[in-house]
Amino acid sequence: MRKAQISIEYLIIIGVVVFLIVLPSAIFLSTFAQTTIYGAVTSEQADQVGRGLTQAAQQVFYLGLFAQKKVSLPMPNNVEEIVMFTITVNSNDFHYLVIRIDDGVIPQTFYYQSRAPLIAPSIYEDTVAPAYIAECAGVACNNVFVFRQPVTFPGLKQFSLETVRRDGRIAVLVTPEVD
């Protein structure tokens, strides 16, 4: 009877130890794997949107005035905003598209340079670039356009691109098609 009691106590201790060590370890590893995979997928989708928009804009720009194109791109989760702006340095214009993702843990910012000037309909125009764009500190940032929700909701999004004349210059008008 004494040996049976020791065996049962031994089994109970082993069970508690396994429960206290294995279960939290499994939960930690599962969470870590999901976060890593989720982050990689989100980054890849953001890259598809950034590269897709800038490449399509450059194609339309090089086709000339009034050229048009539609693109469908997968908008990832937690996109806070998409910003298009132009920096002028020594009379040279540099055009950028920025995607800002904030999942509540670590905000990520993806920058894409475009050879084509990017503009959007006036409802998306902003007077200043967001503070997280350090490149706009101390230089002339103009043609600032910001897409927020519902444009940045996750899912497949369509954008119409058209080469137009604005202020005597040719630029690519990027218009999100919002449901």
Foldseek 3Di string as FASTA:
>chain_A
DVVVVVVVVVVVVVVVVCCVPVVVVVVVVVVVVVVVVLVVVQVVQVVQVQVVVQVVFQVQVVVDAFRKDKDKGFQHPQFAKKKWKWWADPNDIKIKIKIWGCPPPDIDIDIDTHPFHEAEPPVQFDDDDDPVPVVCPPTDIDRIGMDGPPLRHGGIWMWMWGWHADPNDTGIYIYTDDD
